[in-house]
Protein backbone atom coordinates (compact mmCIF):
# COMPACT_ATOMS: atom_id res chain seq x y z
CA MET A 1 109.64 102.07 108.96
CA SER A 2 106.36 100.30 109.75
CA VAL A 3 104.33 99.74 112.95
CA SER A 4 102.36 96.76 113.68
CA ILE A 5 98.87 97.43 115.19
CA GLN A 6 96.78 95.27 117.66
CA THR A 7 93.49 96.19 119.34
CA ASP A 8 91.34 94.49 121.79
CA ASN A 9 88.37 96.28 120.18
CA ALA A 10 88.36 93.98 117.22
CA PRO A 11 88.27 90.19 117.01
CA LYS A 12 91.49 88.56 117.16
CA PRO A 13 93.04 87.63 113.80
CA VAL A 14 92.48 83.89 113.05
CA GLY A 15 96.19 83.61 112.10
CA ARG A 16 99.67 85.13 113.10
CA TYR A 17 99.25 88.76 111.71
CA PRO A 18 98.35 92.09 113.05
CA HIS A 19 95.06 93.96 112.72
CA ALA A 20 96.91 96.74 110.67
CA ARG A 21 100.31 97.87 109.77
CA ARG A 22 101.13 101.64 109.50
CA VAL A 23 103.87 102.57 106.73
CA GLY A 24 104.34 106.24 106.68
CA ASP A 25 100.86 107.81 106.11
CA LEU A 26 99.27 104.67 105.01
CA LEU A 27 97.33 102.23 106.98
CA PHE A 28 97.01 98.53 105.64
CA LEU A 29 94.33 96.62 107.54
CA SER A 30 94.53 92.79 107.38
CA GLY A 31 91.24 90.88 106.32
CA ILE A 32 88.57 91.74 108.82
CA GLY A 33 85.34 89.65 109.31
CA PRO A 34 82.16 90.13 111.19
CA ARG A 35 83.31 88.03 114.29
CA SER A 36 82.35 89.54 117.65
CA ALA A 37 85.48 90.92 119.69
CA ALA A 38 83.68 90.05 122.91
CA ASP A 39 83.20 86.25 122.20
CA ASN A 40 84.45 85.47 118.82
CA SER A 41 80.75 84.50 117.80
CA ILE A 42 79.62 85.15 114.45
CA PRO A 43 76.53 87.56 114.22
CA GLY A 44 73.57 85.86 112.34
CA ASN A 45 75.01 82.49 112.06
CA VAL A 46 72.58 79.62 112.92
CA TYR A 47 74.09 76.04 113.73
CA ALA A 48 72.75 72.64 113.81
CA SER A 49 73.33 70.55 116.84
CA ASP A 50 76.38 68.97 115.20
CA GLY A 51 77.95 72.34 114.80
CA SER A 52 77.28 72.67 111.02
CA LEU A 53 76.18 75.92 109.67
CA LEU A 54 72.46 76.01 108.71
CA ALA A 55 71.99 79.54 107.85
CA TYR A 56 73.66 83.05 108.17
CA ASP A 57 72.25 86.59 108.08
CA ILE A 58 74.39 88.58 105.46
CA ALA A 59 72.87 92.05 106.86
CA ALA A 60 74.08 91.15 110.59
CA GLN A 61 77.35 90.30 109.02
CA CYS A 62 77.73 93.59 107.03
CA HIS A 63 76.95 95.57 110.08
CA SER A 64 79.36 93.60 112.36
CA VAL A 65 82.16 93.76 109.55
CA PHE A 66 81.73 97.58 109.29
CA ALA A 67 81.86 97.87 113.25
CA ASN A 68 85.14 95.88 113.34
CA VAL A 69 86.80 97.86 110.41
CA ARG A 70 85.75 100.99 112.38
CA ALA A 71 87.20 99.69 115.64
CA VAL A 72 90.61 99.02 113.97
CA LEU A 73 90.76 102.40 112.22
CA GLU A 74 89.91 104.17 115.48
CA SER A 75 92.46 102.35 117.41
CA CYS A 76 94.93 104.02 114.96
CA GLY A 77 93.39 107.40 115.23
CA ALA A 78 91.51 107.04 111.74
CA GLY A 79 87.85 106.86 110.63
CA TRP A 80 85.71 106.28 107.53
CA THR A 81 86.92 109.36 105.57
CA ASP A 82 90.36 107.98 105.79
CA LEU A 83 89.59 104.99 103.88
CA VAL A 84 90.95 105.13 100.28
CA ASP A 85 90.41 101.50 99.12
CA VAL A 86 88.44 98.58 100.21
CA THR A 87 88.42 94.95 98.70
CA VAL A 88 85.36 92.93 99.89
CA TYR A 89 85.17 89.16 99.82
CA LEU A 90 81.68 87.70 99.62
CA THR A 91 81.27 83.71 99.60
CA HIS A 92 77.64 84.03 98.05
CA MET A 93 77.91 86.78 95.51
CA SER A 94 74.53 86.27 93.62
CA GLY A 95 72.72 85.92 97.00
CA ASP A 96 74.33 88.47 99.10
CA PHE A 97 75.62 91.38 96.68
CA GLN A 98 72.28 93.34 96.72
CA THR A 99 71.92 93.40 100.68
CA TYR A 100 75.60 94.08 101.04
CA ASN A 101 75.61 96.96 98.35
CA ALA A 102 72.58 98.55 100.06
CA ILE A 103 74.15 98.49 103.42
CA TRP A 104 77.59 99.76 102.06
CA ALA A 105 75.46 102.86 100.81
CA GLU A 106 74.30 103.44 104.40
CA TYR A 107 77.88 103.75 105.60
CA PHE A 108 79.19 105.51 102.43
CA PRO A 109 76.30 107.64 101.23
CA ASP A 110 78.17 110.18 99.16
CA ILE A 111 80.04 108.54 96.40
CA ALA A 112 82.38 111.56 96.30
CA THR A 113 83.82 110.57 99.70
CA ALA A 114 83.51 106.82 99.55
CA PRO A 115 86.50 104.86 99.28
CA CYS A 116 87.25 102.97 95.94
CA ARG A 117 85.91 99.52 96.24
CA THR A 118 86.46 95.93 94.57
CA THR A 119 84.10 93.25 95.32
CA LEU A 120 85.03 89.63 94.83
CA GLY A 121 83.09 86.36 94.93
CA ILE A 122 85.01 83.56 96.59
CA ASP A 123 84.48 79.87 97.49
CA ALA A 124 85.11 80.19 101.39
CA LEU A 125 86.96 82.08 104.10
CA PRO A 126 88.84 80.51 106.86
CA THR A 127 85.76 80.70 109.31
CA PRO A 128 82.13 80.36 108.68
CA ILE A 129 81.63 83.90 107.78
CA ALA A 130 80.19 85.40 104.50
CA ILE A 131 82.04 88.50 104.09
CA GLU A 132 85.47 89.99 104.90
CA LEU A 133 87.06 93.43 104.17
CA LYS A 134 90.58 94.43 103.34
CA CYS A 135 91.17 98.06 103.60
CA ILE A 136 93.79 100.73 103.03
CA ALA A 137 93.44 104.08 104.67
CA ARG A 138 95.52 107.44 104.63
CA LEU A 139 96.42 108.94 107.98
CA SER A 140 97.86 112.31 108.55
CA ALA A 141 101.56 112.25 109.33
CA GLY A 142 102.77 111.83 113.12
C-alpha cells in the first residue's frame, strides 16, 4: 500500500504528481526544485523586460532547493538523517558543480551520515531553474 503526500510548505508540483509517496518505510520524493512555496518565484533569477532569463544565482537556488526538500521531509515526519539517496540534476555542470558541492557539504558535513548522491548534468528542466533534487528517505514504521 502506498500513500500520496502533498504539503503547502513546498512549491506546488509543475505537473500532476504528489510531492512524495510513502511505500512501507520508504519515502520517494518527486523532483523538487528551488521555487518559493509562497509565490512560485525562483530565488536568484534575473529576468529581462521580455521575461527571458538573464542570469541566475546557483547558491540561492541550492539553499532554496534544500529548504524545499526539508519541508517535504518534515511534512512526512522525516528529516535529513532519513535521506538515503539523492539524485541531483544541474543544468550547468561545469559552471555550478563547485558551488553546489560546497553547499552540499554545509548541509551534509559528515560523510558517514550523508546520503548517497548522484549528480547529473542535463540540458534543461521544465521551469527556469538550475537545480532539482530527487530523493529517497527511509522512515520508521507506522
